[in-house]
């Protein structure tokens, strides 16, 4: 067993009782893992339309024009969704849903709340945790927002944050409260300046972050709020420090890792993790991609500027991707500050920038990277259904990766959490008949 993952594992003595309170002694029970303590997620964009349709809702946001469904930056569309369900659930336990404002509310006062609520409920019914992305971001701010005067602009942004956090409380447990604040006030890659950039330039980065976090916190105090960015330079490091020094309560630091120009490698990955871990907050790897085809040229500064007519997955690229996915996840799990990893796209169909970044090909067949990741997170790092026998005191010893577990006997079952590092923890679980 790899000792670099010992901080991810736990051992507990689980005491089992029948419904009448008597010990379930000298009995065979089945123990199995249900989820990891660390969130191992993917974007759920592909399945929004499917969930909405099953709830009797449309596939597009109210008032959206062609191509403006809210399922942007990755998402294959409803026609392929049914074939992706089992593949998605086979490797992920946390879904990121799209709240890009331009698609979510293309017409003022007509937000896409019903469809996204249906999607969030669909995932929660399958024991999948749900994250929302993002609440405040300059990219894909709606056009109508920039027409507002400064006072109405700020009030509208505040209302938007509070509305979504309140409407999805109890379903969405984590939000990217602010996305890419480092570049936000100086963003210029658009024909007309968006409203969020204008607001951030007026308030400053720190106060814009404060606005988003305080409004979201007031609307849903239980939610985990993430400050997220693609900029791994010292500029983001300084912003985190400034935000924390200003008294803004940040729950986790989000680190994007779109590796379209090549795998970071273990050394760089650990350097980034260690640098941001110094702030004492959990680290969420919010947007991870690795390609199974040609890499983007290294001189491209803004990944959005690289556009090609065709970007196929190749056999050689697929073998490289499988190797790099395993290496990357092993590296991330070796660092104790990492509490969440989200892979940005299950399938190549509709992938961001058209890149072959998915774990599944456009035709729906799994790539080697899918099988490799599944073998890791639902194989090597997983306790499958395992028969154990209780002792005369109704106890069984359970060892495995920290997370949620289930135990069953005689047709009855119960759940318990296995924390990391526990060695003599007593967990009393009621299971079995009276």
Protein backbone atom coordinates (compact mmCIF):
# COMPACT_ATOMS: atom_id res chain seq x y z
CA UNK A 1 0.00 0.00 0.00
CA UNK A 2 1.29 3.44 -0.94
CA UNK A 3 2.21 5.28 2.27
CA UNK A 4 1.69 8.67 0.57
CA UNK A 5 -2.08 8.13 0.92
CA UNK A 6 -2.18 7.20 4.60
CA UNK A 7 -3.73 10.58 5.44
CA UNK A 8 -6.67 9.61 3.19
CA UNK A 9 -7.40 6.33 4.96
CA UNK A 10 -9.12 5.40 8.18
CA UNK A 11 -9.86 2.42 10.40
CA UNK A 12 -12.84 2.12 12.72
CA UNK A 13 -14.45 -0.41 15.00
CA UNK A 14 -18.12 -0.45 14.05
CA UNK A 15 -20.58 -1.77 16.61
CA UNK A 16 -23.79 -3.13 15.07
CA UNK A 17 -27.13 -3.49 16.83
CA UNK A 18 -30.53 -4.83 15.89
CA UNK A 19 -33.61 -2.63 15.88
CA UNK A 20 -34.46 -3.83 19.39
CA UNK A 21 -31.08 -2.66 20.66
CA UNK A 22 -29.46 -6.07 21.02
CA UNK A 23 -25.99 -6.64 19.65
CA UNK A 24 -25.75 -8.14 16.18
CA UNK A 25 -23.21 -10.68 17.36
CA UNK A 26 -21.52 -13.47 15.40
CA UNK A 27 -23.30 -12.50 12.21
CA UNK A 28 -22.16 -12.02 8.62
CA UNK A 29 -22.55 -8.44 7.37
CA UNK A 30 -21.67 -6.78 4.08
CA UNK A 31 -19.71 -3.52 4.23
CA UNK A 32 -19.16 -1.37 1.14
CA UNK A 33 -17.94 2.11 0.29
CA UNK A 34 -20.43 4.59 -1.18
CA UNK A 35 -18.35 7.76 -1.65
CA UNK A 36 -14.98 9.32 -0.93
CA UNK A 37 -14.45 11.98 1.73
CA UNK A 38 -12.62 14.01 -0.88
CA UNK A 39 -15.02 15.21 -3.58
CA UNK A 40 -14.22 13.53 -6.89
CA UNK A 41 -16.40 15.34 -9.37
CA UNK A 42 -17.15 16.19 -12.93
CA UNK A 43 -19.25 18.80 -14.69
CA UNK A 44 -22.90 17.78 -14.88
CA UNK A 45 -23.66 20.04 -17.83
CA UNK A 46 -24.35 17.06 -20.12
CA UNK A 47 -27.21 15.85 -17.92
CA UNK A 48 -29.07 19.12 -17.22
CA UNK A 49 -31.40 18.79 -20.21
CA UNK A 50 -32.08 15.13 -19.43
CA UNK A 51 -33.00 15.89 -15.82
CA UNK A 52 -35.13 18.85 -16.90
CA UNK A 53 -36.96 16.80 -19.53
CA UNK A 54 -37.75 14.07 -17.02
CA UNK A 55 -39.19 16.78 -14.77
CA UNK A 56 -41.43 17.94 -17.63
CA UNK A 57 -39.39 21.07 -18.39
CA UNK A 58 -37.81 22.35 -21.60
CA UNK A 59 -34.23 21.83 -22.68
CA UNK A 60 -33.36 25.53 -22.96
CA UNK A 61 -33.24 28.47 -20.60
CA UNK A 62 -36.34 30.72 -20.77
CA UNK A 63 -35.81 33.40 -23.39
CA UNK A 64 -32.54 31.89 -24.64
CA UNK A 65 -31.63 32.24 -28.27
CA UNK A 66 -29.92 29.60 -30.40
CA UNK A 67 -26.92 28.17 -28.65
CA UNK A 68 -27.71 30.03 -25.45
CA UNK A 69 -29.00 27.20 -23.28
CA UNK A 70 -26.72 27.81 -20.34
CA UNK A 71 -24.84 24.56 -21.04
CA UNK A 72 -21.65 26.23 -22.21
CA UNK A 73 -17.94 25.57 -21.73
CA UNK A 74 -18.54 21.85 -22.13
CA UNK A 75 -21.71 19.81 -22.48
CA UNK A 76 -22.80 17.40 -25.18
CA UNK A 77 -26.49 18.25 -25.30
CA UNK A 78 -29.64 16.26 -24.54
CA UNK A 79 -29.44 13.81 -27.44
CA UNK A 80 -26.42 12.02 -25.96
CA UNK A 81 -27.24 12.43 -22.27
CA UNK A 82 -29.03 9.12 -21.63
CA UNK A 83 -26.01 7.15 -22.83
CA UNK A 84 -23.70 9.07 -20.50
CA UNK A 85 -25.56 8.56 -17.21
CA UNK A 86 -23.96 5.27 -16.18
CA UNK A 87 -20.52 6.42 -17.32
CA UNK A 88 -20.87 9.63 -15.31
CA UNK A 89 -22.08 7.92 -12.15
CA UNK A 90 -19.43 5.25 -12.56
CA UNK A 91 -16.58 7.61 -11.73
CA UNK A 92 -17.87 10.88 -10.20
CA UNK A 93 -19.65 11.71 -6.93
CA UNK A 94 -19.94 15.51 -7.20
CA UNK A 95 -21.54 17.44 -10.05
CA UNK A 96 -20.78 21.02 -11.06
CA UNK A 97 -23.81 22.73 -12.62
CA UNK A 98 -23.66 25.78 -14.96
CA UNK A 99 -24.87 29.12 -13.61
CA UNK A 100 -23.27 31.30 -16.30
CA UNK A 101 -25.37 34.41 -16.00
CA UNK A 102 -25.79 35.15 -19.72
CA UNK A 103 -27.34 31.73 -20.29
CA UNK A 104 -29.02 31.42 -16.91
CA UNK A 105 -30.86 34.74 -17.22
CA UNK A 106 -30.69 35.94 -20.85
CA UNK A 107 -33.81 38.03 -20.22
CA UNK A 108 -33.98 40.03 -16.97
CA UNK A 109 -36.30 38.44 -14.46
CA UNK A 110 -36.51 35.12 -16.32
CA UNK A 111 -33.80 32.95 -14.74
CA UNK A 112 -33.32 29.29 -15.56
CA UNK A 113 -34.09 28.30 -11.97
CA UNK A 114 -36.59 25.52 -12.64
CA UNK A 115 -34.33 23.53 -14.99
CA UNK A 116 -31.30 23.84 -12.72
CA UNK A 117 -33.37 22.89 -9.67
CA UNK A 118 -34.52 19.79 -11.54
CA UNK A 119 -30.91 18.93 -12.37
CA UNK A 120 -29.74 19.48 -8.81
CA UNK A 121 -32.54 17.26 -7.46
CA UNK A 122 -31.75 14.58 -10.06
CA UNK A 123 -28.16 14.41 -8.88
CA UNK A 124 -29.03 14.51 -5.18
CA UNK A 125 -31.50 11.63 -5.66
CA UNK A 126 -28.49 9.63 -6.83
CA UNK A 127 -26.39 10.60 -3.79
CA UNK A 128 -24.30 13.02 -5.83
CA UNK A 129 -23.21 16.27 -4.17
CA UNK A 130 -23.86 19.43 -6.22
CA UNK A 131 -21.74 22.51 -6.83
CA UNK A 132 -22.74 25.72 -8.63
CA UNK A 133 -20.40 27.57 -11.01
CA UNK A 134 -20.11 30.58 -10.92
CA UNK A 135 -22.01 33.31 -9.06
CA UNK A 136 -19.87 36.28 -10.15
CA UNK A 137 -17.78 36.21 -13.33
CA UNK A 138 -17.03 38.80 -15.97
CA UNK A 139 -17.16 36.32 -18.85
CA UNK A 140 -20.72 35.56 -19.94
CA UNK A 141 -22.18 38.41 -17.95
CA UNK A 142 -25.48 39.20 -19.70
CA UNK A 143 -25.49 42.07 -22.19
CA UNK A 144 -28.40 43.74 -20.44
CA UNK A 145 -26.30 44.09 -17.28
CA UNK A 146 -23.82 46.55 -18.80
CA UNK A 147 -26.62 48.96 -19.64
CA UNK A 148 -27.41 49.56 -15.95
CA UNK A 149 -26.07 52.61 -14.07
CA UNK A 150 -23.52 51.95 -11.34
CA UNK A 151 -25.92 51.90 -8.40
CA UNK A 152 -28.38 49.55 -10.09
CA UNK A 153 -25.53 47.43 -11.40
CA UNK A 154 -24.17 46.70 -7.94
CA UNK A 155 -27.64 46.08 -6.51
CA UNK A 156 -28.46 43.71 -9.36
CA UNK A 157 -25.27 41.70 -8.87
CA UNK A 158 -25.95 41.45 -5.15
CA UNK A 159 -29.50 40.32 -5.83
CA UNK A 160 -28.34 37.72 -8.35
CA UNK A 161 -25.89 36.18 -5.87
CA UNK A 162 -28.41 36.09 -3.05
CA UNK A 163 -31.20 34.74 -5.23
CA UNK A 164 -29.25 31.74 -6.51
CA UNK A 165 -27.69 30.90 -3.15
CA UNK A 166 -31.13 31.03 -1.47
CA UNK A 167 -33.05 29.21 -4.21
CA UNK A 168 -30.59 26.32 -4.24
CA UNK A 169 -29.91 26.11 -0.50
CA UNK A 170 -30.01 22.49 0.61
CA UNK A 171 -29.27 21.25 -2.92
CA UNK A 172 -26.12 23.10 -3.97
CA UNK A 173 -23.62 22.69 -1.15
CA UNK A 174 -20.67 24.48 -2.81
CA UNK A 175 -20.40 27.60 -4.98
CA UNK A 176 -17.61 29.18 -6.96
CA UNK A 177 -18.59 32.54 -5.48
CA UNK A 178 -16.15 34.55 -7.62
CA UNK A 179 -14.43 33.26 -10.74
CA UNK A 180 -11.16 34.74 -12.06
CA UNK A 181 -11.01 37.95 -10.06
CA UNK A 182 -7.32 38.48 -10.87
CA UNK A 183 -8.09 39.45 -14.46
CA UNK A 184 -11.62 40.72 -13.82
CA UNK A 185 -11.03 44.51 -13.61
CA UNK A 186 -8.64 44.59 -16.55
CA UNK A 187 -10.40 42.13 -18.85
CA UNK A 188 -10.50 43.60 -22.37
CA UNK A 189 -11.08 40.65 -24.73
CA UNK A 190 -14.57 41.73 -25.83
CA UNK A 191 -16.17 44.28 -28.10
CA UNK A 192 -18.10 46.00 -25.31
CA UNK A 193 -17.04 46.11 -21.67
CA UNK A 194 -19.19 43.82 -19.56
CA UNK A 195 -20.96 44.94 -16.40
CA UNK A 196 -18.94 42.81 -13.98
CA UNK A 197 -15.62 44.21 -15.18
CA UNK A 198 -16.99 47.72 -14.77
CA UNK A 199 -18.19 46.93 -11.25
CA UNK A 200 -14.89 45.32 -10.28
CA UNK A 201 -12.91 48.25 -11.64
CA UNK A 202 -15.01 50.60 -9.51
CA UNK A 203 -15.00 48.52 -6.30
CA UNK A 204 -11.63 46.82 -6.67
CA UNK A 205 -10.92 43.09 -6.59
CA UNK A 206 -11.12 42.62 -2.83
CA UNK A 207 -14.43 44.43 -2.43
CA UNK A 208 -15.93 42.58 -5.39
CA UNK A 209 -14.93 39.32 -3.74
CA UNK A 210 -16.39 40.55 -0.45
CA UNK A 211 -19.68 41.42 -2.17
CA UNK A 212 -20.06 37.92 -3.61
CA UNK A 213 -19.04 36.05 -0.47
CA UNK A 214 -21.12 38.11 1.94
CA UNK A 215 -24.27 37.98 -0.18
CA UNK A 216 -23.94 34.23 -0.72
CA UNK A 217 -23.14 33.63 2.95
CA UNK A 218 -26.18 35.58 4.08
CA UNK A 219 -28.44 33.64 1.73
CA UNK A 220 -27.05 30.19 2.61
CA UNK A 221 -24.77 30.08 5.67
CA UNK A 222 -24.23 26.34 5.22
CA UNK A 223 -22.72 26.56 1.73
CA UNK A 224 -19.00 26.16 1.04
CA UNK A 225 -17.83 29.26 -0.85
CA UNK A 226 -14.82 29.06 -3.15
CA UNK A 227 -12.56 31.75 -4.59
CA UNK A 228 -11.62 30.32 -7.99
CA UNK A 229 -9.03 31.28 -10.60
CA UNK A 230 -6.99 30.05 -13.55
CA UNK A 231 -4.07 32.34 -12.70
CA UNK A 232 -1.52 30.27 -10.77
CA UNK A 233 0.96 33.16 -10.69
CA UNK A 234 1.94 35.17 -7.59
CA UNK A 235 -0.84 37.61 -8.54
CA UNK A 236 -3.49 35.13 -7.40
CA UNK A 237 -1.45 34.25 -4.34
CA UNK A 238 -1.39 37.96 -3.40
CA UNK A 239 -5.11 38.34 -4.03
CA UNK A 240 -5.90 35.44 -1.69
CA UNK A 241 -3.74 37.06 0.96
CA UNK A 242 -5.39 40.45 0.49
CA UNK A 243 -8.89 38.97 0.62
CA UNK A 244 -8.14 37.06 3.82
CA UNK A 245 -6.41 40.07 5.40
CA UNK A 246 -9.55 42.10 4.62
CA UNK A 247 -11.60 39.69 6.73
CA UNK A 248 -13.51 37.99 3.91
CA UNK A 249 -14.48 34.47 4.97
CA UNK A 250 -13.26 32.16 2.20
CA UNK A 251 -13.96 28.46 2.68
CA UNK A 252 -11.69 27.04 -0.03
CA UNK A 253 -9.23 28.14 -2.72
CA UNK A 254 -10.12 27.05 -6.23
CA UNK A 255 -7.29 26.17 -8.61
CA UNK A 256 -8.01 25.62 -12.29
CA UNK A 257 -5.80 23.18 -14.15
CA UNK A 258 -6.78 23.16 -17.81
CA UNK A 259 -3.71 21.44 -19.21
CA UNK A 260 -4.39 21.98 -22.90
CA UNK A 261 -0.73 22.85 -23.40
CA UNK A 262 0.54 19.76 -21.64
CA UNK A 263 0.56 17.98 -18.32
CA UNK A 264 1.97 20.09 -15.49
CA UNK A 265 3.94 17.18 -14.08
CA UNK A 266 4.33 16.17 -10.46
CA UNK A 267 6.89 18.80 -9.55
CA UNK A 268 4.90 21.80 -10.78
CA UNK A 269 1.64 20.43 -9.41
CA UNK A 270 3.11 19.98 -5.93
CA UNK A 271 4.69 23.43 -6.09
CA UNK A 272 1.31 25.02 -6.85
CA UNK A 273 -0.43 23.02 -4.13
CA UNK A 274 2.19 23.86 -1.53
CA UNK A 275 2.20 27.56 -2.40
CA UNK A 276 -1.56 27.95 -1.99
CA UNK A 277 -1.78 25.58 0.97
CA UNK A 278 0.18 28.11 3.02
CA UNK A 279 -3.04 30.11 3.41
CA UNK A 280 -4.42 27.34 5.60
CA UNK A 281 -7.53 26.70 3.51
CA UNK A 282 -8.71 23.58 1.69
CA UNK A 283 -7.73 23.39 -1.96
CA UNK A 284 -10.28 22.56 -4.66
CA UNK A 285 -8.93 21.59 -8.09
CA UNK A 286 -11.98 22.99 -9.78
CA UNK A 287 -11.34 22.57 -13.52
CA UNK A 288 -9.00 19.78 -14.56
CA UNK A 289 -8.44 18.71 -18.16
CA UNK A 290 -5.82 16.60 -19.93
CA UNK A 291 -5.85 16.08 -23.69
CA UNK A 292 -5.91 12.88 -25.72
CA UNK A 293 -4.81 14.57 -28.92
CA UNK A 294 -2.42 17.25 -30.14
CA UNK A 295 -1.43 19.78 -27.51
CA UNK A 296 -2.11 23.49 -27.85
CA UNK A 297 1.02 25.46 -28.87
CA UNK A 298 2.93 26.74 -25.83
CA UNK A 299 2.98 30.34 -27.04
CA UNK A 300 -0.82 30.74 -26.77
CA UNK A 301 -1.46 33.03 -23.80
CA UNK A 302 -5.26 32.96 -23.71
CA UNK A 303 -6.49 29.41 -24.37
CA UNK A 304 -9.69 30.84 -25.87
CA UNK A 305 -7.65 32.29 -28.75
CA UNK A 306 -6.71 28.84 -30.06
CA UNK A 307 -9.32 27.71 -32.56
CA UNK A 308 -8.94 24.84 -35.02
CA UNK A 309 -11.38 23.21 -37.45
CA UNK A 310 -10.74 19.73 -36.10
CA UNK A 311 -9.09 18.54 -32.92
CA UNK A 312 -9.27 14.75 -32.88
CA UNK A 313 -8.43 12.27 -30.19
CA UNK A 314 -5.62 9.97 -31.26
CA UNK A 315 -4.51 6.50 -30.10
CA UNK A 316 -1.16 7.85 -28.94
CA UNK A 317 -2.80 10.79 -27.23
CA UNK A 318 -5.27 8.52 -25.46
CA UNK A 319 -2.51 6.40 -23.97
CA UNK A 320 -0.71 9.56 -22.83
CA UNK A 321 -3.91 10.97 -21.31
CA UNK A 322 -4.58 7.76 -19.37
CA UNK A 323 -1.09 7.82 -17.89
CA UNK A 324 -1.29 11.52 -17.03
CA UNK A 325 -4.76 11.31 -15.45
CA UNK A 326 -3.55 8.64 -13.03
CA UNK A 327 -0.34 10.52 -12.26
CA UNK A 328 -2.22 13.77 -11.71
CA UNK A 329 -4.84 12.31 -9.39
CA UNK A 330 -2.20 10.43 -7.41
CA UNK A 331 -0.24 13.66 -7.00
CA UNK A 332 -3.32 15.59 -5.89
CA UNK A 333 -4.38 12.94 -3.39
CA UNK A 334 -0.88 12.85 -1.92
CA UNK A 335 -1.31 16.43 -0.68
CA UNK A 336 -3.41 16.71 2.50
CA UNK A 337 -4.85 20.14 1.61
CA UNK A 338 -6.70 18.87 -1.47
CA UNK A 339 -10.38 18.32 -0.65
CA UNK A 340 -11.98 18.32 -4.10
CA UNK A 341 -11.04 17.52 -7.71
CA UNK A 342 -13.36 18.20 -10.65
CA UNK A 343 -12.62 16.85 -14.11
CA UNK A 344 -13.92 19.32 -16.69
CA UNK A 345 -15.88 17.22 -19.14
CA UNK A 346 -16.86 13.58 -19.40
CA UNK A 347 -17.04 13.49 -23.19
CA UNK A 348 -15.30 15.07 -26.17
CA UNK A 349 -18.71 15.92 -27.59
CA UNK A 350 -19.22 19.60 -26.86
CA UNK A 351 -15.94 19.85 -24.91
CA UNK A 352 -14.53 23.29 -24.14
CA UNK A 353 -12.69 24.73 -27.18
CA UNK A 354 -13.50 21.52 -29.08
CA UNK A 355 -10.46 19.90 -27.51
CA UNK A 356 -10.21 16.13 -27.00
CA UNK A 357 -10.26 16.62 -23.24
CA UNK A 358 -13.01 14.16 -22.31
CA UNK A 359 -12.63 10.78 -20.69
CA UNK A 360 -15.13 9.47 -23.24
CA UNK A 361 -14.95 9.80 -27.02
CA UNK A 362 -17.52 11.78 -28.99
CA UNK A 363 -19.18 8.49 -30.00
CA UNK A 364 -19.78 7.61 -26.34
CA UNK A 365 -17.09 4.95 -25.97
CA UNK A 366 -14.77 5.23 -22.95
CA UNK A 367 -11.16 6.17 -23.55
CA UNK A 368 -8.33 4.44 -21.68
CA UNK A 369 -8.31 7.48 -19.35
CA UNK A 370 -11.86 6.71 -18.22
CA UNK A 371 -10.99 3.11 -17.41
CA UNK A 372 -7.77 4.18 -15.70
CA UNK A 373 -9.51 6.77 -13.51
CA UNK A 374 -12.34 4.40 -12.64
CA UNK A 375 -9.85 1.68 -11.72
CA UNK A 376 -8.21 4.17 -9.39
CA UNK A 377 -11.14 5.85 -7.62
CA UNK A 378 -13.58 2.90 -7.70
CA UNK A 379 -10.96 0.18 -7.57
CA UNK A 380 -7.62 0.75 -5.89
CA UNK A 381 -9.02 3.51 -3.62
CA UNK A 382 -12.35 1.77 -2.95
CA UNK A 383 -13.81 -0.91 -0.68
CA UNK A 384 -16.21 -3.06 -2.73
CA UNK A 385 -18.99 -5.11 -1.05
CA UNK A 386 -17.05 -7.16 1.49
CA UNK A 387 -18.44 -9.80 3.85
CA UNK A 388 -17.25 -9.47 7.44
CA UNK A 389 -18.29 -11.31 10.58
CA UNK A 390 -19.12 -9.52 13.81
CA UNK A 391 -17.55 -10.69 17.06
CA UNK A 392 -19.41 -11.57 20.25
CA UNK A 393 -19.79 -7.85 20.97
CA UNK A 394 -21.34 -7.09 17.56
CA UNK A 395 -18.21 -5.40 16.28
CA UNK A 396 -16.42 -5.41 12.93
CA UNK A 397 -13.19 -3.71 12.00
CA UNK A 398 -13.41 -1.57 8.83
CA UNK A 399 -10.40 -0.12 7.02
CA UNK A 400 -10.43 1.89 3.83
CA UNK A 401 -10.33 5.30 2.24
CA UNK A 402 -12.17 7.91 4.28
CA UNK A 403 -15.72 8.46 3.12
CA UNK A 404 -19.28 7.21 3.33
CA UNK A 405 -19.96 3.52 3.87
CA UNK A 406 -22.96 1.20 4.09
CA UNK A 407 -23.40 -1.98 6.10
CA UNK A 408 -26.17 -4.49 5.53
CA UNK A 409 -27.46 -7.68 7.12
CA UNK A 410 -30.62 -9.68 6.69
CA UNK A 411 -32.14 -7.26 4.22
CA UNK A 412 -31.62 -4.20 6.44
CA UNK A 413 -28.89 -1.62 6.01
CA UNK A 414 -27.39 1.46 7.61
CA UNK A 415 -24.74 4.01 6.71
CA UNK A 416 -21.76 5.46 8.54
CA UNK A 417 -18.82 7.75 7.84
CA UNK A 418 -15.27 6.49 8.08
CA UNK A 419 -13.02 9.46 8.96
CA UNK A 420 -9.38 9.62 8.01
CA UNK A 421 -6.82 8.62 10.58
CA UNK A 422 -9.20 7.06 13.11
CA UNK A 423 -7.79 3.99 14.78
CA UNK A 424 -10.10 3.19 17.70
CA UNK A 425 -13.29 5.03 16.79
CA UNK A 426 -16.49 3.37 17.97
CA UNK A 427 -19.41 3.83 15.59
CA UNK A 428 -22.75 2.44 16.74
CA UNK A 429 -24.94 1.49 13.77
CA UNK A 430 -28.43 -0.02 13.97
CA UNK A 431 -28.92 -2.72 11.37
CA UNK A 432 -30.92 -5.93 11.18
CA UNK A 433 -34.33 -6.93 12.46
CA UNK A 434 -35.64 -6.87 16.02
